[in-house]
């Protein structure tokens, strides 16, 4: 059975995240405020570094290229050190440039701290949030921004909670199938174009902002799914669970009949179940897609219909042949 291999799809290159863009995107959520006039800087890593050892004079493991995060502990150490000691501490740090320094708990940065950031050209921001409550969403936002990504020609829909990516040649009927599924109560993620990103061991799909809730139907034009079916009919993003490829029927092709041979497609380094559905006039692809989604849910619960019927048939054959005959026929050669 032939199927489209997605493993070689070119990934979108990572763009550095400027501090000004970070403040624009996440400043309100993370309650950030800029405390100096340093030039804009670029963040290239999702990692956060706690520079406590560097403040005490040990630079063996100092990751200056990462965002530097200071909380109550570091601030109290600086506060107790006194002005002369702080001047000494930051005179050592002036040799290293970090893309961003962040102070949590709404603490006021010491003037020696601000001067060091100005000298090296590193922006200094303060958040009102506690360190733990701040670090988690910041890390999540950075992981999303720097996630591995690919862009595909396809459609994605949430069927019974199963994120299903439809791919296939142009004109095979993807959009019509998606429209049928939406009418049956399922949630559109995006039609015709889908942006896939990997976060950890999960892949999420989303459409291009402003265009993701529209469907093009040949002969009709552009349909606004959200306006027509309501907010319950759309989703901004969904975890990818299966790939469903629609292919025009080919009598010479050997399609999967038993379901015993599991096919996966490697997307962004992860194996995703891949199912090929041959398309014939009059075939209800929407209903078949629902069955595929429900079968996927059953398999996650440990119910594999193909394996169960295969085991049952083998058991029946064994019973009719007799245990001795069965064992003789299956002895190792």
C-alpha atoms as a PDB file:
ATOM      1  CA  UNK A   1       0.000   0.000   0.000  1.00  0.00           C
ATOM      2  CA  UNK A   2       1.402   3.347  -1.058  1.00  0.00           C
ATOM      3  CA  UNK A   3       1.028   6.331   1.239  1.00  0.00           C
ATOM      4  CA  UNK A   4       2.459   9.820   1.451  1.00  0.00           C
ATOM      5  CA  UNK A   5       5.638   9.946   3.526  1.00  0.00           C
ATOM      6  CA  UNK A   6       5.688  13.108   5.667  1.00  0.00           C
ATOM      7  CA  UNK A   7       9.035  12.438   7.345  1.00  0.00           C
ATOM      8  CA  UNK A   8      10.979  14.454   4.761  1.00  0.00           C
ATOM      9  CA  UNK A   9       8.818  17.578   5.015  1.00  0.00           C
ATOM     10  CA  UNK A  10      11.123  20.558   5.472  1.00  0.00           C
ATOM     11  CA  UNK A  11      10.913  22.168   8.897  1.00  0.00           C
ATOM     12  CA  UNK A  12      10.353  25.894   9.271  1.00  0.00           C
ATOM     13  CA  UNK A  13      13.584  27.550  10.498  1.00  0.00           C
ATOM     14  CA  UNK A  14      13.598  29.039  13.978  1.00  0.00           C
ATOM     15  CA  UNK A  15      13.564  32.810  14.245  1.00  0.00           C
ATOM     16  CA  UNK A  16      15.183  34.373  17.338  1.00  0.00           C
ATOM     17  CA  UNK A  17      12.765  35.973  19.780  1.00  0.00           C
ATOM     18  CA  UNK A  18      13.613  39.585  20.519  1.00  0.00           C
ATOM     19  CA  UNK A  19      13.023  40.889  24.028  1.00  0.00           C
ATOM     20  CA  UNK A  20      10.714  43.567  22.636  1.00  0.00           C
ATOM     21  CA  UNK A  21       8.638  40.847  20.940  1.00  0.00           C
ATOM     22  CA  UNK A  22       8.565  38.805  24.159  1.00  0.00           C
ATOM     23  CA  UNK A  23       7.216  41.838  25.998  1.00  0.00           C
ATOM     24  CA  UNK A  24       4.621  42.396  23.267  1.00  0.00           C
ATOM     25  CA  UNK A  25       3.461  38.774  23.165  1.00  0.00           C
ATOM     26  CA  UNK A  26       3.637  37.802  26.830  1.00  0.00           C
ATOM     27  CA  UNK A  27       4.220  41.002  28.800  1.00  0.00           C
ATOM     28  CA  UNK A  28       0.653  41.331  30.080  1.00  0.00           C
ATOM     29  CA  UNK A  29       0.276  37.629  30.918  1.00  0.00           C
ATOM     30  CA  UNK A  30       3.624  37.515  32.717  1.00  0.00           C
ATOM     31  CA  UNK A  31       3.232  41.002  34.253  1.00  0.00           C
ATOM     32  CA  UNK A  32       6.578  42.237  32.973  1.00  0.00           C
ATOM     33  CA  UNK A  33       8.005  45.754  33.117  1.00  0.00           C
ATOM     34  CA  UNK A  34      11.289  46.962  31.601  1.00  0.00           C
ATOM     35  CA  UNK A  35      13.707  48.550  34.094  1.00  0.00           C
ATOM     36  CA  UNK A  36      16.554  49.869  31.914  1.00  0.00           C
ATOM     37  CA  UNK A  37      17.282  51.385  28.517  1.00  0.00           C
ATOM     38  CA  UNK A  38      19.493  48.658  27.081  1.00  0.00           C
ATOM     39  CA  UNK A  39      19.220  47.932  23.339  1.00  0.00           C
ATOM     40  CA  UNK A  40      16.945  45.157  22.141  1.00  0.00           C
ATOM     41  CA  UNK A  41      18.369  41.656  22.465  1.00  0.00           C
ATOM     42  CA  UNK A  42      17.634  38.259  20.881  1.00  0.00           C
ATOM     43  CA  UNK A  43      16.634  35.125  22.790  1.00  0.00           C
ATOM     44  CA  UNK A  44      17.658  31.893  21.056  1.00  0.00           C
ATOM     45  CA  UNK A  45      16.997  29.254  23.732  1.00  0.00           C
ATOM     46  CA  UNK A  46      14.084  28.033  25.837  1.00  0.00           C
ATOM     47  CA  UNK A  47      16.341  27.416  28.835  1.00  0.00           C
ATOM     48  CA  UNK A  48      16.265  29.534  31.997  1.00  0.00           C
ATOM     49  CA  UNK A  49      19.339  29.891  34.205  1.00  0.00           C
ATOM     50  CA  UNK A  50      19.463  30.678  37.937  1.00  0.00           C
ATOM     51  CA  UNK A  51      22.803  32.533  38.385  1.00  0.00           C
ATOM     52  CA  UNK A  52      23.183  32.027  42.132  1.00  0.00           C
ATOM     53  CA  UNK A  53      26.626  30.405  41.852  1.00  0.00           C
ATOM     54  CA  UNK A  54      27.814  33.103  39.464  1.00  0.00           C
ATOM     55  CA  UNK A  55      26.769  35.784  41.947  1.00  0.00           C
ATOM     56  CA  UNK A  56      28.926  34.043  44.569  1.00  0.00           C
ATOM     57  CA  UNK A  57      31.932  33.979  42.216  1.00  0.00           C
ATOM     58  CA  UNK A  58      31.771  30.485  40.647  1.00  0.00           C
ATOM     59  CA  UNK A  59      31.480  30.603  36.837  1.00  0.00           C
ATOM     60  CA  UNK A  60      32.215  26.951  35.992  1.00  0.00           C
ATOM     61  CA  UNK A  61      28.622  26.175  35.011  1.00  0.00           C
ATOM     62  CA  UNK A  62      27.480  29.677  34.180  1.00  0.00           C
ATOM     63  CA  UNK A  63      25.208  29.565  31.092  1.00  0.00           C
ATOM     64  CA  UNK A  64      25.347  33.235  30.203  1.00  0.00           C
ATOM     65  CA  UNK A  65      23.695  32.644  26.815  1.00  0.00           C
ATOM     66  CA  UNK A  66      20.387  31.786  28.523  1.00  0.00           C
ATOM     67  CA  UNK A  67      17.801  34.008  30.172  1.00  0.00           C
ATOM     68  CA  UNK A  68      18.961  34.800  33.736  1.00  0.00           C
ATOM     69  CA  UNK A  69      16.258  34.445  36.398  1.00  0.00           C
ATOM     70  CA  UNK A  70      16.643  35.858  39.917  1.00  0.00           C
ATOM     71  CA  UNK A  71      14.187  35.349  42.772  1.00  0.00           C
ATOM     72  CA  UNK A  72      13.955  36.115  46.482  1.00  0.00           C
ATOM     73  CA  UNK A  73      17.028  34.048  47.376  1.00  0.00           C
ATOM     74  CA  UNK A  74      19.362  35.828  44.962  1.00  0.00           C
ATOM     75  CA  UNK A  75      17.913  39.254  45.803  1.00  0.00           C
ATOM     76  CA  UNK A  76      18.312  38.681  49.555  1.00  0.00           C
ATOM     77  CA  UNK A  77      21.933  37.605  48.982  1.00  0.00           C
ATOM     78  CA  UNK A  78      22.619  40.832  47.065  1.00  0.00           C
ATOM     79  CA  UNK A  79      20.774  42.893  49.674  1.00  0.00           C
ATOM     80  CA  UNK A  80      22.816  41.413  52.532  1.00  0.00           C
ATOM     81  CA  UNK A  81      26.121  41.850  50.655  1.00  0.00           C
ATOM     82  CA  UNK A  82      26.170  45.627  50.846  1.00  0.00           C
ATOM     83  CA  UNK A  83      26.992  48.165  48.154  1.00  0.00           C
ATOM     84  CA  UNK A  84      30.737  47.482  47.922  1.00  0.00           C
ATOM     85  CA  UNK A  85      30.281  43.720  47.629  1.00  0.00           C
ATOM     86  CA  UNK A  86      27.516  44.158  45.040  1.00  0.00           C
ATOM     87  CA  UNK A  87      29.819  46.368  42.979  1.00  0.00           C
ATOM     88  CA  UNK A  88      32.447  43.603  43.083  1.00  0.00           C
ATOM     89  CA  UNK A  89      29.884  40.924  42.136  1.00  0.00           C
ATOM     90  CA  UNK A  90      28.584  42.798  39.109  1.00  0.00           C
ATOM     91  CA  UNK A  91      32.073  43.849  38.008  1.00  0.00           C
ATOM     92  CA  UNK A  92      32.722  40.124  37.438  1.00  0.00           C
ATOM     93  CA  UNK A  93      29.406  39.641  35.613  1.00  0.00           C
ATOM     94  CA  UNK A  94      30.130  42.528  33.264  1.00  0.00           C
ATOM     95  CA  UNK A  95      32.362  40.128  31.296  1.00  0.00           C
ATOM     96  CA  UNK A  96      29.295  38.141  30.224  1.00  0.00           C
ATOM     97  CA  UNK A  97      26.335  39.254  28.123  1.00  0.00           C
ATOM     98  CA  UNK A  98      23.002  37.531  28.585  1.00  0.00           C
ATOM     99  CA  UNK A  99      19.982  38.152  26.351  1.00  0.00           C
ATOM    100  CA  UNK A 100      17.743  39.042  29.299  1.00  0.00           C
ATOM    101  CA  UNK A 101      17.797  39.407  33.091  1.00  0.00           C
ATOM    102  CA  UNK A 102      14.544  38.874  35.001  1.00  0.00           C
ATOM    103  CA  UNK A 103      13.797  39.661  38.658  1.00  0.00           C
ATOM    104  CA  UNK A 104      10.653  38.126  40.187  1.00  0.00           C
ATOM    105  CA  UNK A 105       8.293  38.986  43.073  1.00  0.00           C
ATOM    106  CA  UNK A 106       8.163  42.636  41.970  1.00  0.00           C
ATOM    107  CA  UNK A 107      11.499  43.253  43.719  1.00  0.00           C
ATOM    108  CA  UNK A 108      13.380  46.471  43.035  1.00  0.00           C
ATOM    109  CA  UNK A 109      16.733  45.815  41.304  1.00  0.00           C
ATOM    110  CA  UNK A 110      19.808  47.290  42.980  1.00  0.00           C
ATOM    111  CA  UNK A 111      21.444  50.181  41.145  1.00  0.00           C
ATOM    112  CA  UNK A 112      24.640  48.116  40.665  1.00  0.00           C
ATOM    113  CA  UNK A 113      22.515  45.465  38.936  1.00  0.00           C
ATOM    114  CA  UNK A 114      20.941  48.029  36.605  1.00  0.00           C
ATOM    115  CA  UNK A 115      24.343  49.558  35.806  1.00  0.00           C
ATOM    116  CA  UNK A 116      25.811  46.155  34.906  1.00  0.00           C
ATOM    117  CA  UNK A 117      22.908  45.413  32.527  1.00  0.00           C
ATOM    118  CA  UNK A 118      23.329  48.832  30.888  1.00  0.00           C
ATOM    119  CA  UNK A 119      27.081  48.332  30.412  1.00  0.00           C
ATOM    120  CA  UNK A 120      26.746  44.897  28.734  1.00  0.00           C
ATOM    121  CA  UNK A 121      23.585  45.884  26.855  1.00  0.00           C
ATOM    122  CA  UNK A 122      21.224  43.344  28.441  1.00  0.00           C
ATOM    123  CA  UNK A 123      17.554  44.260  29.029  1.00  0.00           C
ATOM    124  CA  UNK A 124      16.420  43.982  32.647  1.00  0.00           C
ATOM    125  CA  UNK A 125      12.764  43.282  33.417  1.00  0.00           C
ATOM    126  CA  UNK A 126      10.821  42.743  36.632  1.00  0.00           C
ATOM    127  CA  UNK A 127       7.737  40.573  37.044  1.00  0.00           C
ATOM    128  CA  UNK A 128       5.253  40.873  39.880  1.00  0.00           C
ATOM    129  CA  UNK A 129       4.770  37.086  39.864  1.00  0.00           C
ATOM    130  CA  UNK A 130       6.534  34.685  42.258  1.00  0.00           C
ATOM    131  CA  UNK A 131       9.410  32.755  40.701  1.00  0.00           C
ATOM    132  CA  UNK A 132       7.647  29.394  40.295  1.00  0.00           C
ATOM    133  CA  UNK A 133       4.390  30.927  39.033  1.00  0.00           C
ATOM    134  CA  UNK A 134       6.405  32.958  36.526  1.00  0.00           C
ATOM    135  CA  UNK A 135       8.888  30.335  35.324  1.00  0.00           C
ATOM    136  CA  UNK A 136       6.261  27.775  34.289  1.00  0.00           C
ATOM    137  CA  UNK A 137       4.275  29.937  31.845  1.00  0.00           C
ATOM    138  CA  UNK A 138       7.457  31.584  30.540  1.00  0.00           C
ATOM    139  CA  UNK A 139       8.969  28.171  29.801  1.00  0.00           C
ATOM    140  CA  UNK A 140       5.741  27.049  28.143  1.00  0.00           C
ATOM    141  CA  UNK A 141       5.592  30.148  25.959  1.00  0.00           C
ATOM    142  CA  UNK A 142       9.234  29.780  24.947  1.00  0.00           C
ATOM    143  CA  UNK A 143       8.749  26.098  24.104  1.00  0.00           C
ATOM    144  CA  UNK A 144       5.786  26.989  21.908  1.00  0.00           C
ATOM    145  CA  UNK A 145       7.685  29.776  20.178  1.00  0.00           C
ATOM    146  CA  UNK A 146      10.805  27.687  19.487  1.00  0.00           C
ATOM    147  CA  UNK A 147       8.943  24.436  18.758  1.00  0.00           C
ATOM    148  CA  UNK A 148       9.923  22.385  15.699  1.00  0.00           C
ATOM    149  CA  UNK A 149       7.376  23.146  12.966  1.00  0.00           C
ATOM    150  CA  UNK A 150       6.250  22.031   9.547  1.00  0.00           C
ATOM    151  CA  UNK A 151       3.598  23.458   7.245  1.00  0.00           C
ATOM    152  CA  UNK A 152       1.359  21.039   5.312  1.00  0.00           C
ATOM    153  CA  UNK A 153      -1.315  21.175   2.659  1.00  0.00           C
ATOM    154  CA  UNK A 154      -4.131  19.415   4.483  1.00  0.00           C
ATOM    155  CA  UNK A 155      -7.105  19.816   6.783  1.00  0.00           C
ATOM    156  CA  UNK A 156      -7.505  19.083  10.482  1.00  0.00           C
ATOM    157  CA  UNK A 157     -10.589  18.400  12.552  1.00  0.00           C
ATOM    158  CA  UNK A 158     -11.431  17.182  16.036  1.00  0.00           C
ATOM    159  CA  UNK A 159     -13.535  14.006  15.763  1.00  0.00           C
ATOM    160  CA  UNK A 160     -14.755  12.769  19.163  1.00  0.00           C
ATOM    161  CA  UNK A 161     -11.632  14.317  20.708  1.00  0.00           C
ATOM    162  CA  UNK A 162      -9.300  12.666  18.181  1.00  0.00           C
ATOM    163  CA  UNK A 163      -7.169  15.189  16.277  1.00  0.00           C
ATOM    164  CA  UNK A 164      -7.397  13.963  12.689  1.00  0.00           C
ATOM    165  CA  UNK A 165      -5.221  15.324   9.890  1.00  0.00           C
ATOM    166  CA  UNK A 166      -6.670  14.816   6.391  1.00  0.00           C
ATOM    167  CA  UNK A 167      -4.209  14.760   3.505  1.00  0.00           C
ATOM    168  CA  UNK A 168      -4.590  13.807  -0.159  1.00  0.00           C
ATOM    169  CA  UNK A 169      -4.335  15.118  -3.680  1.00  0.00           C
ATOM    170  CA  UNK A 170      -6.141  18.316  -4.580  1.00  0.00           C
ATOM    171  CA  UNK A 171      -9.721  17.553  -5.605  1.00  0.00           C
ATOM    172  CA  UNK A 172      -9.960  14.217  -3.783  1.00  0.00           C
ATOM    173  CA  UNK A 173     -12.665  15.604  -1.462  1.00  0.00           C
ATOM    174  CA  UNK A 174     -10.936  16.659   1.751  1.00  0.00           C
ATOM    175  CA  UNK A 175     -12.853  19.920   2.196  1.00  0.00           C
ATOM    176  CA  UNK A 176     -16.202  18.308   1.384  1.00  0.00           C
ATOM    177  CA  UNK A 177     -15.523  15.589   3.955  1.00  0.00           C
ATOM    178  CA  UNK A 178     -14.505  18.185   6.549  1.00  0.00           C
ATOM    179  CA  UNK A 179     -17.694  20.162   5.836  1.00  0.00           C
ATOM    180  CA  UNK A 180     -19.770  17.011   6.301  1.00  0.00           C
ATOM    181  CA  UNK A 181     -18.040  16.284   9.614  1.00  0.00           C
ATOM    182  CA  UNK A 182     -18.620  19.838  10.859  1.00  0.00           C
ATOM    183  CA  UNK A 183     -22.306  19.502   9.975  1.00  0.00           C
ATOM    184  CA  UNK A 184     -22.340  16.290  12.030  1.00  0.00           C
ATOM    185  CA  UNK A 185     -21.102  18.204  15.097  1.00  0.00           C
ATOM    186  CA  UNK A 186     -17.316  17.884  14.975  1.00  0.00           C
ATOM    187  CA  UNK A 187     -14.868  20.797  15.401  1.00  0.00           C
ATOM    188  CA  UNK A 188     -12.852  22.316  12.578  1.00  0.00           C
ATOM    189  CA  UNK A 189      -9.245  23.248  13.319  1.00  0.00           C
ATOM    190  CA  UNK A 190      -8.182  24.344   9.832  1.00  0.00           C
ATOM    191  CA  UNK A 191      -8.943  23.587   6.203  1.00  0.00           C
ATOM    192  CA  UNK A 192      -6.460  23.384   3.332  1.00  0.00           C
ATOM    193  CA  UNK A 193      -3.384  24.503   5.312  1.00  0.00           C
ATOM    194  CA  UNK A 194      -2.151  23.311   8.681  1.00  0.00           C
ATOM    195  CA  UNK A 195       0.779  24.332  10.875  1.00  0.00           C
ATOM    196  CA  UNK A 196       2.150  21.444  12.964  1.00  0.00           C
ATOM    197  CA  UNK A 197       4.463  22.017  15.917  1.00  0.00           C
ATOM    198  CA  UNK A 198       6.086  19.569  18.310  1.00  0.00           C
ATOM    199  CA  UNK A 199       6.088  20.277  22.043  1.00  0.00           C
ATOM    200  CA  UNK A 200       7.748  17.494  24.022  1.00  0.00           C
ATOM    201  CA  UNK A 201       6.285  14.211  22.795  1.00  0.00           C
ATOM    202  CA  UNK A 202       3.115  15.802  21.430  1.00  0.00           C
ATOM    203  CA  UNK A 203       2.282  17.421  18.088  1.00  0.00           C
ATOM    204  CA  UNK A 204      -0.265  20.219  17.853  1.00  0.00           C
ATOM    205  CA  UNK A 205      -1.980  21.478  14.727  1.00  0.00           C
ATOM    206  CA  UNK A 206      -3.350  24.946  14.053  1.00  0.00           C
ATOM    207  CA  UNK A 207      -4.325  27.061  11.078  1.00  0.00           C
ATOM    208  CA  UNK A 208      -3.024  30.432  10.034  1.00  0.00           C
ATOM    209  CA  UNK A 209      -4.527  33.074  12.298  1.00  0.00           C
ATOM    210  CA  UNK A 210      -7.462  34.799  10.642  1.00  0.00           C
ATOM    211  CA  UNK A 211      -7.981  32.055   8.043  1.00  0.00           C
ATOM    212  CA  UNK A 212      -8.293  28.866  10.094  1.00  0.00           C
ATOM    213  CA  UNK A 213     -12.098  28.796  10.430  1.00  0.00           C
ATOM    214  CA  UNK A 214     -12.908  28.998   6.730  1.00  0.00           C
ATOM    215  CA  UNK A 215     -13.560  26.214   4.216  1.00  0.00           C
ATOM    216  CA  UNK A 216     -13.399  26.463   0.441  1.00  0.00           C
ATOM    217  CA  UNK A 217     -16.086  24.406  -1.292  1.00  0.00           C
ATOM    218  CA  UNK A 218     -15.680  24.118  -5.073  1.00  0.00           C
ATOM    219  CA  UNK A 219     -18.692  25.587  -6.826  1.00  0.00           C
ATOM    220  CA  UNK A 220     -19.780  27.545  -3.748  1.00  0.00           C
ATOM    221  CA  UNK A 221     -16.756  29.503  -2.546  1.00  0.00           C
ATOM    222  CA  UNK A 222     -15.530  30.376   0.946  1.00  0.00           C
ATOM    223  CA  UNK A 223     -17.622  29.295   3.946  1.00  0.00           C
ATOM    224  CA  UNK A 224     -17.216  30.922   7.375  1.00  0.00           C
ATOM    225  CA  UNK A 225     -17.698  27.888   9.637  1.00  0.00           C
ATOM    226  CA  UNK A 226     -17.717  29.858  12.895  1.00  0.00           C
ATOM    227  CA  UNK A 227     -20.432  32.247  11.691  1.00  0.00           C
ATOM    228  CA  UNK A 228     -22.501  29.488  10.136  1.00  0.00           C
ATOM    229  CA  UNK A 229     -22.292  26.797  12.832  1.00  0.00           C
ATOM    230  CA  UNK A 230     -21.272  28.765  15.933  1.00  0.00           C
ATOM    231  CA  UNK A 231     -18.229  28.887  18.178  1.00  0.00           C
ATOM    232  CA  UNK A 232     -18.708  25.242  19.232  1.00  0.00           C
ATOM    233  CA  UNK A 233     -17.865  24.131  15.668  1.00  0.00           C
ATOM    234  CA  UNK A 234     -14.276  25.421  15.686  1.00  0.00           C
ATOM    235  CA  UNK A 235     -11.048  24.987  17.627  1.00  0.00           C
ATOM    236  CA  UNK A 236      -7.912  27.105  17.439  1.00  0.00           C
ATOM    237  CA  UNK A 237      -5.600  24.104  17.840  1.00  0.00           C
ATOM    238  CA  UNK A 238      -5.703  20.370  18.557  1.00  0.00           C
ATOM    239  CA  UNK A 239      -3.258  17.624  19.429  1.00  0.00           C
ATOM    240  CA  UNK A 240      -2.529  15.427  16.393  1.00  0.00           C
ATOM    241  CA  UNK A 241      -3.551  11.795  16.947  1.00  0.00           C
ATOM    242  CA  UNK A 242      -3.928  10.218  13.484  1.00  0.00           C
ATOM    243  CA  UNK A 243      -3.300  10.969   9.821  1.00  0.00           C
ATOM    244  CA  UNK A 244      -6.088  10.017   7.420  1.00  0.00           C
ATOM    245  CA  UNK A 245      -5.055  10.020   3.767  1.00  0.00           C
ATOM    246  CA  UNK A 246      -7.751  10.082   1.079  1.00  0.00           C
ATOM    247  CA  UNK A 247      -6.737   8.385  -2.184  1.00  0.00           C
ATOM    248  CA  UNK A 248      -8.678   7.987  -5.409  1.00  0.00           C
ATOM    249  CA  UNK A 249      -9.607   4.331  -5.829  1.00  0.00           C
ATOM    250  CA  UNK A 250      -7.014   2.289  -7.720  1.00  0.00           C
ATOM    251  CA  UNK A 251      -8.021  -1.268  -8.581  1.00  0.00           C
ATOM    252  CA  UNK A 252      -4.358  -2.290  -8.784  1.00  0.00           C
ATOM    253  CA  UNK A 253      -3.616  -1.034  -5.268  1.00  0.00           C
ATOM    254  CA  UNK A 254      -3.645  -3.411  -2.291  1.00  0.00           C
ATOM    255  CA  UNK A 255      -5.417  -1.655   0.558  1.00  0.00           C
ATOM    256  CA  UNK A 256      -5.357  -2.751   4.188  1.00  0.00           C
ATOM    257  CA  UNK A 257      -8.229  -5.226   4.684  1.00  0.00           C
ATOM    258  CA  UNK A 258      -7.576  -6.702   8.127  1.00  0.00           C
ATOM    259  CA  UNK A 259      -6.134  -3.800  10.111  1.00  0.00           C
ATOM    260  CA  UNK A 260      -3.434  -6.076  11.535  1.00  0.00           C
ATOM    261  CA  UNK A 261      -0.608  -4.191   9.847  1.00  0.00           C
ATOM    262  CA  UNK A 262      -0.199  -0.892  11.664  1.00  0.00           C
ATOM    263  CA  UNK A 263       1.177   1.891   9.471  1.00  0.00           C
ATOM    264  CA  UNK A 264       2.748   4.983  11.020  1.00  0.00           C
ATOM    265  CA  UNK A 265       4.080   8.192   9.522  1.00  0.00           C
ATOM    266  CA  UNK A 266       7.025   9.956  11.125  1.00  0.00           C
ATOM    267  CA  UNK A 267       6.151  13.613  11.690  1.00  0.00           C
ATOM    268  CA  UNK A 268       8.649  15.887  13.443  1.00  0.00           C
ATOM    269  CA  UNK A 269      10.402  12.757  14.708  1.00  0.00           C
ATOM    270  CA  UNK A 270       7.292  11.125  16.220  1.00  0.00           C
ATOM    271  CA  UNK A 271       5.379   8.122  14.844  1.00  0.00           C
ATOM    272  CA  UNK A 272       1.738   8.963  14.108  1.00  0.00           C
ATOM    273  CA  UNK A 273      -0.831   6.302  13.014  1.00  0.00           C
ATOM    274  CA  UNK A 274      -1.511   6.658   9.273  1.00  0.00           C
ATOM    275  CA  UNK A 275      -4.658   5.299   7.609  1.00  0.00           C
ATOM    276  CA  UNK A 276      -5.371   5.284   3.882  1.00  0.00           C
ATOM    277  CA  UNK A 277      -9.014   5.487   2.756  1.00  0.00           C
ATOM    278  CA  UNK A 278      -9.758   4.766  -0.933  1.00  0.00           C
ATOM    279  CA  UNK A 279     -12.359   7.188  -2.302  1.00  0.00           C
ATOM    280  CA  UNK A 280     -15.167   5.949  -4.566  1.00  0.00           C
ATOM    281  CA  UNK A 281     -18.332   7.740  -5.753  1.00  0.00           C
ATOM    282  CA  UNK A 282     -21.083   7.265  -3.156  1.00  0.00           C
ATOM    283  CA  UNK A 283     -18.703   6.251  -0.373  1.00  0.00           C
ATOM    284  CA  UNK A 284     -19.513   8.066   2.893  1.00  0.00           C
ATOM    285  CA  UNK A 285     -16.051   9.222   3.940  1.00  0.00           C
ATOM    286  CA  UNK A 286     -17.406  11.246   6.878  1.00  0.00           C
ATOM    287  CA  UNK A 287     -18.933   8.164   8.529  1.00  0.00           C
ATOM    288  CA  UNK A 288     -15.772   6.149   7.847  1.00  0.00           C
ATOM    289  CA  UNK A 289     -13.717   8.939   9.431  1.00  0.00           C
ATOM    290  CA  UNK A 290     -15.879   8.769  12.555  1.00  0.00           C
ATOM    291  CA  UNK A 291     -15.340   5.009  12.704  1.00  0.00           C
ATOM    292  CA  UNK A 292     -11.573   5.526  12.361  1.00  0.00           C
ATOM    293  CA  UNK A 293     -11.626   7.994  15.269  1.00  0.00           C
ATOM    294  CA  UNK A 294     -13.717   5.705  17.480  1.00  0.00           C
ATOM    295  CA  UNK A 295     -11.490   2.728  16.654  1.00  0.00           C
ATOM    296  CA  UNK A 296      -8.467   4.836  17.657  1.00  0.00           C
ATOM    297  CA  UNK A 297     -10.121   5.582  21.014  1.00  0.00           C
ATOM    298  CA  UNK A 298     -10.847   1.890  21.537  1.00  0.00           C
ATOM    299  CA  UNK A 299      -7.242   0.957  20.819  1.00  0.00           C
ATOM    300  CA  UNK A 300      -6.076   3.483  23.413  1.00  0.00           C
ATOM    301  CA  UNK A 301      -8.318   1.632  25.890  1.00  0.00           C
ATOM    302  CA  UNK A 302      -6.735  -1.689  24.888  1.00  0.00           C
ATOM    303  CA  UNK A 303      -9.526  -2.895  22.577  1.00  0.00           C
ATOM    304  CA  UNK A 304      -8.104  -3.943  19.197  1.00  0.00           C
ATOM    305  CA  UNK A 305     -10.914  -5.374  17.066  1.00  0.00           C
ATOM    306  CA  UNK A 306      -8.625  -6.667  14.305  1.00  0.00           C
ATOM    307  CA  UNK A 307      -6.383  -8.489  16.761  1.00  0.00           C
ATOM    308  CA  UNK A 308      -9.339  -9.854  18.714  1.00  0.00           C
ATOM    309  CA  UNK A 309     -11.022 -11.390  15.655  1.00  0.00           C
ATOM    310  CA  UNK A 310      -7.670 -12.725  14.428  1.00  0.00           C
ATOM    311  CA  UNK A 311      -6.996 -14.385  17.802  1.00  0.00           C
ATOM    312  CA  UNK A 312     -10.519 -15.818  17.804  1.00  0.00           C
ATOM    313  CA  UNK A 313     -10.094 -17.314  14.324  1.00  0.00           C
ATOM    314  CA  UNK A 314      -6.726 -18.824  15.232  1.00  0.00           C
ATOM    315  CA  UNK A 315      -8.296 -20.329  18.340  1.00  0.00           C
ATOM    316  CA  UNK A 316     -11.107 -21.860  16.265  1.00  0.00           C
ATOM    317  CA  UNK A 317      -8.603 -23.313  13.790  1.00  0.00           C
ATOM    318  CA  UNK A 318      -6.584 -24.755  16.645  1.00  0.00           C
ATOM    319  CA  UNK A 319      -9.672 -26.359  18.168  1.00  0.00           C
ATOM    320  CA  UNK A 320     -10.687 -28.001  14.869  1.00  0.00           C
ATOM    321  CA  UNK A 321      -7.208 -29.245  14.005  1.00  0.00           C
ATOM    322  CA  UNK A 322      -6.566 -30.583  17.465  1.00  0.00           C
ATOM    323  CA  UNK A 323      -3.805 -29.500  19.774  1.00  0.00           C
ATOM    324  CA  UNK A 324      -1.275 -32.107  18.606  1.00  0.00           C
ATOM    325  CA  UNK A 325      -1.687 -31.337  14.924  1.00  0.00           C
ATOM    326  CA  UNK A 326      -1.487 -27.629  15.659  1.00  0.00           C
ATOM    327  CA  UNK A 327       1.675 -28.003  17.723  1.00  0.00           C
ATOM    328  CA  UNK A 328       3.310 -30.208  15.058  1.00  0.00           C
ATOM    329  CA  UNK A 329       2.580 -27.748  12.282  1.00  0.00           C
ATOM    330  CA  UNK A 330       4.048 -24.886  14.281  1.00  0.00           C
ATOM    331  CA  UNK A 331       7.205 -26.531  15.604  1.00  0.00           C
ATOM    332  CA  UNK A 332      10.401 -24.513  15.003  1.00  0.00           C
ATOM    333  CA  UNK A 333      12.243 -25.709  11.890  1.00  0.00           C
END
